[in-house]
C-alpha atoms as a PDB file:
ATOM      1  CA  UNK A   1      14.318  -3.370 -53.550  1.00  0.00           C
ATOM      2  CA  UNK A   2      17.150  -1.141 -52.434  1.00  0.00           C
ATOM      3  CA  UNK A   3      14.951   1.817 -51.682  1.00  0.00           C
ATOM      4  CA  UNK A   4      12.370   0.037 -49.551  1.00  0.00           C
ATOM      5  CA  UNK A   5      14.193   0.913 -46.332  1.00  0.00           C
ATOM      6  CA  UNK A   6      14.339   4.585 -47.255  1.00  0.00           C
ATOM      7  CA  UNK A   7      10.629   4.697 -48.100  1.00  0.00           C
ATOM      8  CA  UNK A   8       9.782   3.019 -44.800  1.00  0.00           C
ATOM      9  CA  UNK A   9      11.919   5.500 -42.848  1.00  0.00           C
ATOM     10  CA  UNK A  10      10.210   8.443 -44.550  1.00  0.00           C
ATOM     11  CA  UNK A  11       6.705   7.149 -43.741  1.00  0.00           C
ATOM     12  CA  UNK A  12       7.718   6.527 -40.123  1.00  0.00           C
ATOM     13  CA  UNK A  13       9.002  10.095 -39.817  1.00  0.00           C
ATOM     14  CA  UNK A  14       5.682  11.472 -41.133  1.00  0.00           C
ATOM     15  CA  UNK A  15       3.592   9.431 -38.696  1.00  0.00           C
ATOM     16  CA  UNK A  16       5.703  10.063 -35.569  1.00  0.00           C
ATOM     17  CA  UNK A  17       3.132  12.451 -34.125  1.00  0.00           C
ATOM     18  CA  UNK A  18       0.293  10.073 -34.952  1.00  0.00           C
ATOM     19  CA  UNK A  19       1.979   7.310 -32.940  1.00  0.00           C
ATOM     20  CA  UNK A  20       1.855   9.422 -29.802  1.00  0.00           C
ATOM     21  CA  UNK A  21      -1.784  10.221 -30.455  1.00  0.00           C
ATOM     22  CA  UNK A  22      -2.643   6.532 -30.864  1.00  0.00           C
ATOM     23  CA  UNK A  23      -0.861   5.693 -27.622  1.00  0.00           C
ATOM     24  CA  UNK A  24      -2.731   8.491 -25.825  1.00  0.00           C
ATOM     25  CA  UNK A  25      -6.109   7.323 -27.111  1.00  0.00           C
ATOM     26  CA  UNK A  26      -5.459   3.723 -26.041  1.00  0.00           C
ATOM     27  CA  UNK A  27      -4.127   4.523 -22.568  1.00  0.00           C
ATOM     28  CA  UNK A  28      -7.055   6.723 -21.506  1.00  0.00           C
ATOM     29  CA  UNK A  29      -9.735   4.026 -22.054  1.00  0.00           C
ATOM     30  CA  UNK A  30      -7.604   1.446 -20.220  1.00  0.00           C
ATOM     31  CA  UNK A  31      -7.232   3.744 -17.225  1.00  0.00           C
ATOM     32  CA  UNK A  32     -10.966   4.434 -17.339  1.00  0.00           C
ATOM     33  CA  UNK A  33     -11.755   0.681 -17.397  1.00  0.00           C
ATOM     34  CA  UNK A  34      -9.412   0.026 -14.481  1.00  0.00           C
ATOM     35  CA  UNK A  35     -11.176   2.768 -12.515  1.00  0.00           C
ATOM     36  CA  UNK A  36     -14.558   1.168 -13.204  1.00  0.00           C
ATOM     37  CA  UNK A  37     -13.292  -2.266 -12.152  1.00  0.00           C
ATOM     38  CA  UNK A  38     -11.795  -0.792  -8.986  1.00  0.00           C
ATOM     39  CA  UNK A  39     -14.987   0.943  -7.869  1.00  0.00           C
ATOM     40  CA  UNK A  40     -17.393  -1.819  -8.938  1.00  0.00           C
ATOM     41  CA  UNK A  41     -15.430  -4.965  -8.074  1.00  0.00           C
ATOM     42  CA  UNK A  42     -12.248  -4.544  -6.067  1.00  0.00           C
ATOM     43  CA  UNK A  43     -13.295  -1.944  -3.489  1.00  0.00           C
ATOM     44  CA  UNK A  44     -16.613  -3.581  -2.439  1.00  0.00           C
ATOM     45  CA  UNK A  45     -14.956  -6.984  -2.186  1.00  0.00           C
ATOM     46  CA  UNK A  46     -12.167  -5.708   0.062  1.00  0.00           C
ATOM     47  CA  UNK A  47     -14.723  -3.864   2.197  1.00  0.00           C
ATOM     48  CA  UNK A  48     -16.764  -7.049   2.597  1.00  0.00           C
ATOM     49  CA  UNK A  49     -13.651  -9.034   3.536  1.00  0.00           C
ATOM     50  CA  UNK A  50     -12.668  -6.518   6.208  1.00  0.00           C
ATOM     51  CA  UNK A  51     -16.196  -6.612   7.679  1.00  0.00           C
ATOM     52  CA  UNK A  52     -16.005 -10.416   7.829  1.00  0.00           C
ATOM     53  CA  UNK A  53     -12.647 -10.237   9.631  1.00  0.00           C
ATOM     54  CA  UNK A  54     -14.094  -7.811  12.194  1.00  0.00           C
ATOM     55  CA  UNK A  55     -17.087 -10.102  12.743  1.00  0.00           C
ATOM     56  CA  UNK A  56     -14.823 -13.139  13.227  1.00  0.00           C
ATOM     57  CA  UNK A  57     -12.696 -11.249  15.747  1.00  0.00           C
ATOM     58  CA  UNK A  58     -15.787 -10.164  17.721  1.00  0.00           C
ATOM     59  CA  UNK A  59     -17.299 -13.639  18.142  1.00  0.00           C
ATOM     60  CA  UNK A  60     -18.092 -14.690  21.711  1.00  0.00           C
ATOM     61  CA  UNK A  61     -19.760 -17.572  23.544  1.00  0.00           C
ATOM     62  CA  UNK A  62     -23.513 -18.090  23.065  1.00  0.00           C
ATOM     63  CA  UNK A  63     -23.541 -16.326  19.678  1.00  0.00           C
ATOM     64  CA  UNK A  64     -25.518 -18.196  17.057  1.00  0.00           C
ATOM     65  CA  UNK A  65     -23.641 -18.454  13.778  1.00  0.00           C
ATOM     66  CA  UNK A  66     -24.017 -19.960  10.326  1.00  0.00           C
ATOM     67  CA  UNK A  67     -21.097 -21.854   8.816  1.00  0.00           C
ATOM     68  CA  UNK A  68     -20.205 -21.793   5.139  1.00  0.00           C
ATOM     69  CA  UNK A  69     -21.561 -25.338   4.946  1.00  0.00           C
ATOM     70  CA  UNK A  70     -24.952 -24.228   6.234  1.00  0.00           C
ATOM     71  CA  UNK A  71     -24.810 -25.480   9.820  1.00  0.00           C
ATOM     72  CA  UNK A  72     -26.468 -23.241  12.385  1.00  0.00           C
ATOM     73  CA  UNK A  73     -25.262 -23.521  15.928  1.00  0.00           C
ATOM     74  CA  UNK A  74     -24.444 -21.795  19.189  1.00  0.00           C
ATOM     75  CA  UNK A  75     -20.799 -21.144  20.063  1.00  0.00           C
ATOM     76  CA  UNK A  76     -19.758 -23.185  23.097  1.00  0.00           C
ATOM     77  CA  UNK A  77     -15.961 -22.861  23.007  1.00  0.00           C
ATOM     78  CA  UNK A  78     -13.601 -20.496  21.205  1.00  0.00           C
ATOM     79  CA  UNK A  79      -9.933 -20.713  20.345  1.00  0.00           C
ATOM     80  CA  UNK A  80      -7.717 -18.925  17.851  1.00  0.00           C
ATOM     81  CA  UNK A  81      -8.414 -21.294  14.960  1.00  0.00           C
ATOM     82  CA  UNK A  82     -11.212 -23.655  16.065  1.00  0.00           C
ATOM     83  CA  UNK A  83     -14.734 -22.975  17.303  1.00  0.00           C
ATOM     84  CA  UNK A  84     -16.950 -25.587  18.925  1.00  0.00           C
ATOM     85  CA  UNK A  85     -20.607 -25.257  17.960  1.00  0.00           C
ATOM     86  CA  UNK A  86     -23.562 -26.919  19.605  1.00  0.00           C
ATOM     87  CA  UNK A  87     -25.947 -27.731  16.767  1.00  0.00           C
ATOM     88  CA  UNK A  88     -28.415 -29.764  18.853  1.00  0.00           C
ATOM     89  CA  UNK A  89     -28.649 -30.647  22.558  1.00  0.00           C
ATOM     90  CA  UNK A  90     -25.428 -32.499  23.462  1.00  0.00           C
ATOM     91  CA  UNK A  91     -24.233 -32.502  19.821  1.00  0.00           C
ATOM     92  CA  UNK A  92     -21.061 -30.492  19.362  1.00  0.00           C
ATOM     93  CA  UNK A  93     -19.108 -29.886  16.182  1.00  0.00           C
ATOM     94  CA  UNK A  94     -15.639 -28.388  15.848  1.00  0.00           C
ATOM     95  CA  UNK A  95     -15.333 -25.903  12.979  1.00  0.00           C
ATOM     96  CA  UNK A  96     -12.465 -23.758  11.782  1.00  0.00           C
ATOM     97  CA  UNK A  97     -12.994 -20.085  12.559  1.00  0.00           C
ATOM     98  CA  UNK A  98     -12.535 -19.170   8.885  1.00  0.00           C
ATOM     99  CA  UNK A  99     -15.586 -21.293   7.973  1.00  0.00           C
ATOM    100  CA  UNK A 100     -17.985 -19.081   9.934  1.00  0.00           C
ATOM    101  CA  UNK A 101     -19.992 -17.197   7.320  1.00  0.00           C
ATOM    102  CA  UNK A 102     -22.206 -14.913   9.426  1.00  0.00           C
ATOM    103  CA  UNK A 103     -24.103 -14.429  12.621  1.00  0.00           C
ATOM    104  CA  UNK A 104     -27.360 -16.330  12.438  1.00  0.00           C
ATOM    105  CA  UNK A 105     -30.295 -14.198  11.318  1.00  0.00           C
ATOM    106  CA  UNK A 106     -32.665 -16.909  12.536  1.00  0.00           C
ATOM    107  CA  UNK A 107     -31.940 -16.513  16.240  1.00  0.00           C
ATOM    108  CA  UNK A 108     -32.771 -12.785  16.186  1.00  0.00           C
ATOM    109  CA  UNK A 109     -36.118 -13.290  14.446  1.00  0.00           C
ATOM    110  CA  UNK A 110     -37.088 -16.105  16.847  1.00  0.00           C
ATOM    111  CA  UNK A 111     -36.189 -14.010  19.901  1.00  0.00           C
ATOM    112  CA  UNK A 112     -38.026 -10.966  18.529  1.00  0.00           C
ATOM    113  CA  UNK A 113     -41.124 -13.041  17.727  1.00  0.00           C
ATOM    114  CA  UNK A 114     -41.177 -14.654  21.174  1.00  0.00           C
ATOM    115  CA  UNK A 115     -41.031 -11.239  22.900  1.00  0.00           C
ATOM    116  CA  UNK A 116     -44.114  -9.975  20.991  1.00  0.00           C
END
């Protein structure tokens, strides 16, 4: 009972080098996993967000857009935070600019088909 502390101190002194090796072998895989997460998840997501911000800044009148709710309409009025869309003749809806998901792919295909 009295010598337990001494025995523990001796075993800790023997394994001091092994402790550094264990730390080294656990840090390398964690750094590797973080690198994988960065290149597979974080970087593409930030790239997509910056592209969306550029698209929102470049919106102009008569662009056809799709909202995050699925509405497709033509931009009639623009302001800093609110966009007015015309979704049918004489039917206008006010939508926050942040809710615009993309430019409408449907208007381009209809225009291209009508030209052919």
